């Protein structure tokens, strides 16, 4: 898939104010500072489509971007950032949960995981939430350029072993780097294939 156009459409905290268009939607979410904005910019060939920041917790709204006038990319707030106040965290959790449980256009969620770290409880719990609610998802391991190939393979193997304690098989996953564009074609091809598979549902 080649991305020709990527346009910001709307930001909000109310799932019922999200775009009404019946086109496939892909959500991107992960722990704060996982490299989500950089990944989105890399995938869409737009350096400043999603705002990047050294300060975790920058994204605090549901952000819709229309891609090729065919599907929506949805940038969601990160979870698990301690410096966001408790009341704000509850608000985030509430509208994020609403989005996942009520958004009919959502066809796949990409859960972003920092490839440099051991499996994190908060990531595993979030995947469990998606699985329990029948929400399709794939895992994107980010920042792979920060590791050597042996260290990366070791970390990914460890993660897969952890997942197999809960899941019958390891969910679809991609190793990516916003710096080298590793994994870009694979992720876009995956989206393209889903778009083909669900086309009849959006007529």
Protein backbone atom coordinates (compact mmCIF):
# COMPACT_ATOMS: atom_id res chain seq x y z
CA UNK A 1 0.00 0.00 0.00
CA UNK A 2 1.22 3.47 -0.86
CA UNK A 3 -0.06 6.30 1.30
CA UNK A 4 -0.75 9.34 -0.86
CA UNK A 5 -2.86 11.44 1.51
CA UNK A 6 -3.11 11.64 5.28
CA UNK A 7 -5.37 14.33 6.71
CA UNK A 8 -6.21 15.25 10.27
CA UNK A 9 -10.00 15.17 10.71
CA UNK A 10 -10.97 15.61 14.38
CA UNK A 11 -9.89 15.29 18.02
CA UNK A 12 -12.28 14.60 20.87
CA UNK A 13 -12.98 12.57 24.02
CA UNK A 14 -16.43 11.33 23.02
CA UNK A 15 -16.79 8.19 20.91
CA UNK A 16 -20.15 9.43 19.64
CA UNK A 17 -18.47 12.51 18.14
CA UNK A 18 -16.02 10.42 16.11
CA UNK A 19 -16.48 10.57 12.30
CA UNK A 20 -19.72 9.00 11.12
CA UNK A 21 -18.24 7.71 7.85
CA UNK A 22 -18.47 3.96 7.41
CA UNK A 23 -14.87 3.16 6.54
CA UNK A 24 -12.40 0.82 8.31
CA UNK A 25 -10.60 2.20 11.34
CA UNK A 26 -7.27 1.23 12.91
CA UNK A 27 -6.37 2.31 16.43
CA UNK A 28 -2.80 2.82 17.65
CA UNK A 29 -2.20 2.66 21.39
CA UNK A 30 0.55 1.81 23.86
CA UNK A 31 2.30 2.90 27.01
CA UNK A 32 3.37 6.53 27.05
CA UNK A 33 6.69 7.21 25.32
CA UNK A 34 6.56 3.97 23.32
CA UNK A 35 7.25 5.88 20.08
CA UNK A 36 3.68 5.97 18.81
CA UNK A 37 3.76 9.39 17.16
CA UNK A 38 7.08 8.67 15.42
CA UNK A 39 5.69 5.36 14.14
CA UNK A 40 2.52 7.00 12.80
CA UNK A 41 4.56 9.68 11.04
CA UNK A 42 6.82 7.01 9.54
CA UNK A 43 3.92 4.88 8.29
CA UNK A 44 2.14 7.84 6.69
CA UNK A 45 5.22 9.58 5.23
CA UNK A 46 4.35 12.73 7.17
CA UNK A 47 6.98 14.06 9.54
CA UNK A 48 4.53 16.09 11.60
CA UNK A 49 1.17 14.34 11.21
CA UNK A 50 1.20 13.11 14.82
CA UNK A 51 2.83 15.37 17.38
CA UNK A 52 6.03 13.94 18.79
CA UNK A 53 7.39 14.99 22.16
CA UNK A 54 10.11 14.00 24.58
CA UNK A 55 7.50 14.43 27.29
CA UNK A 56 5.34 11.32 27.77
CA UNK A 57 1.57 11.71 27.85
CA UNK A 58 1.40 14.23 24.99
CA UNK A 59 -1.59 12.61 23.25
CA UNK A 60 -4.68 13.12 25.41
CA UNK A 61 -7.47 12.89 22.85
CA UNK A 62 -8.91 10.49 20.26
CA UNK A 63 -7.27 11.77 17.04
CA UNK A 64 -8.67 10.72 13.68
CA UNK A 65 -6.57 10.88 10.51
CA UNK A 66 -8.08 9.96 7.14
CA UNK A 67 -5.73 7.93 4.97
CA UNK A 68 -6.07 7.85 1.15
CA UNK A 69 -9.75 8.77 1.70
CA UNK A 70 -10.22 5.03 2.37
CA UNK A 71 -9.58 4.36 6.07
CA UNK A 72 -9.00 6.06 9.39
CA UNK A 73 -5.86 5.89 11.48
CA UNK A 74 -6.73 6.66 15.11
CA UNK A 75 -4.07 7.95 17.48
CA UNK A 76 -5.10 7.22 21.08
CA UNK A 77 -3.66 8.44 24.39
CA UNK A 78 -0.91 6.37 25.95
CA UNK A 79 -1.66 4.50 29.12
CA UNK A 80 0.29 4.08 32.33
CA UNK A 81 2.01 7.46 32.60
CA UNK A 82 2.45 8.26 36.31
CA UNK A 83 2.72 12.05 35.97
CA UNK A 84 -0.80 12.38 34.57
CA UNK A 85 -3.09 13.12 37.51
CA UNK A 86 -5.27 10.34 38.89
CA UNK A 87 -8.48 12.12 37.84
CA UNK A 88 -7.16 12.56 34.29
CA UNK A 89 -6.10 8.91 34.15
CA UNK A 90 -9.64 7.87 35.08
CA UNK A 91 -11.03 10.12 32.34
CA UNK A 92 -8.60 8.65 29.80
CA UNK A 93 -9.50 5.13 30.82
CA UNK A 94 -13.20 5.90 30.59
CA UNK A 95 -13.27 7.40 27.09
CA UNK A 96 -10.66 4.97 25.77
CA UNK A 97 -12.73 2.06 27.07
CA UNK A 98 -15.85 3.59 25.48
CA UNK A 99 -14.03 3.90 22.18
CA UNK A 100 -13.02 0.23 22.13
CA UNK A 101 -16.37 -1.12 23.27
CA UNK A 102 -18.63 1.11 21.17
CA UNK A 103 -16.77 2.06 17.99
CA UNK A 104 -18.29 -0.12 15.26
CA UNK A 105 -15.87 1.01 12.53
CA UNK A 106 -12.84 -0.31 14.45
CA UNK A 107 -11.43 -3.34 12.61
CA UNK A 108 -8.02 -3.71 14.26
CA UNK A 109 -6.02 -2.27 17.13
CA UNK A 110 -2.25 -2.00 17.05
CA UNK A 111 -0.79 -2.36 20.55
CA UNK A 112 2.66 -0.76 20.59
CA UNK A 113 5.32 -2.32 22.80
CA UNK A 114 8.87 -1.05 23.38
CA UNK A 115 11.11 -3.86 22.14
CA UNK A 116 13.87 -2.92 24.62
CA UNK A 117 11.92 -3.89 27.73
CA UNK A 118 10.79 -7.03 29.50
CA UNK A 119 7.06 -7.86 29.12
CA UNK A 120 5.14 -5.21 31.05
CA UNK A 121 2.09 -6.07 33.14
CA UNK A 122 0.10 -3.07 31.87
CA UNK A 123 0.62 -4.10 28.21
CA UNK A 124 -0.38 -7.70 28.90
CA UNK A 125 -3.47 -6.56 30.83
CA UNK A 126 -4.53 -4.30 27.98
CA UNK A 127 -4.19 -7.13 25.46
CA UNK A 128 -6.24 -9.29 27.82
CA UNK A 129 -8.96 -6.61 27.83
CA UNK A 130 -9.02 -6.61 24.03
CA UNK A 131 -9.15 -10.39 23.86
CA UNK A 132 -11.92 -10.70 26.43
CA UNK A 133 -14.02 -8.22 24.46
CA UNK A 134 -13.39 -9.80 21.07
CA UNK A 135 -11.47 -6.80 19.72
CA UNK A 136 -8.95 -7.84 17.01
CA UNK A 137 -5.42 -6.63 17.61
CA UNK A 138 -1.83 -6.97 16.47
CA UNK A 139 1.35 -6.09 18.33
CA UNK A 140 3.92 -3.62 17.02
CA UNK A 141 7.33 -3.83 18.68
CA UNK A 142 8.92 -0.36 18.42
CA UNK A 143 12.45 1.07 18.62
CA UNK A 144 14.14 -2.07 17.30
CA UNK A 145 17.03 0.04 15.99
CA UNK A 146 18.08 0.61 19.61
CA UNK A 147 19.01 -3.09 19.96
CA UNK A 148 21.40 -5.44 18.26
CA UNK A 149 19.77 -8.33 16.38
CA UNK A 150 20.63 -10.94 19.04
CA UNK A 151 19.28 -8.80 21.88
CA UNK A 152 16.14 -8.06 19.85
CA UNK A 153 15.53 -11.74 19.10
CA UNK A 154 16.09 -12.59 22.77
CA UNK A 155 13.55 -9.98 23.90
CA UNK A 156 10.95 -11.01 21.31
CA UNK A 157 11.34 -14.69 22.24
CA UNK A 158 10.85 -13.80 25.90
CA UNK A 159 7.73 -11.81 25.04
CA UNK A 160 6.28 -14.63 22.95
CA UNK A 161 6.82 -17.12 25.79
CA UNK A 162 4.99 -14.78 28.15
CA UNK A 163 2.08 -14.38 25.73
CA UNK A 164 1.73 -18.13 25.28
CA UNK A 165 0.97 -18.46 28.99
CA UNK A 166 -2.36 -16.77 28.24
CA UNK A 167 -2.96 -17.09 24.50
CA UNK A 168 -3.29 -20.23 22.40
CA UNK A 169 -0.99 -18.69 19.82
CA UNK A 170 1.10 -15.54 19.59
CA UNK A 171 -0.96 -12.66 18.11
CA UNK A 172 0.14 -11.19 14.78
CA UNK A 173 3.17 -9.02 15.49
CA UNK A 174 5.63 -6.74 13.72
CA UNK A 175 9.13 -5.52 14.57
CA UNK A 176 9.49 -1.86 13.57
CA UNK A 177 11.79 1.13 13.68
CA UNK A 178 10.75 4.69 12.95
CA UNK A 179 14.38 5.52 12.25
CA UNK A 180 15.11 2.82 9.66
CA UNK A 181 11.49 2.25 8.50
CA UNK A 182 11.84 -1.43 9.37
CA UNK A 183 8.42 -3.10 9.33
CA UNK A 184 6.70 -0.28 7.47
CA UNK A 185 5.76 -2.28 4.38
CA UNK A 186 4.64 -5.25 6.46
CA UNK A 187 2.27 -3.17 8.61
CA UNK A 188 0.80 -1.36 5.61
CA UNK A 189 0.36 -4.62 3.72
CA UNK A 190 -1.44 -6.07 6.75
CA UNK A 191 -3.82 -3.07 6.81
CA UNK A 192 -4.38 -3.32 3.07
CA UNK A 193 -5.33 -7.00 3.35
CA UNK A 194 -7.80 -6.32 6.18
CA UNK A 195 -9.35 -3.50 4.13
CA UNK A 196 -9.95 -6.00 1.31
CA UNK A 197 -11.36 -8.61 3.70
CA UNK A 198 -13.83 -6.23 5.39
CA UNK A 199 -14.84 -4.26 2.26
CA UNK A 200 -18.29 -5.83 2.10
CA UNK A 201 -19.03 -4.77 5.68
CA UNK A 202 -18.63 -1.10 4.79
CA UNK A 203 -20.80 -0.91 1.66
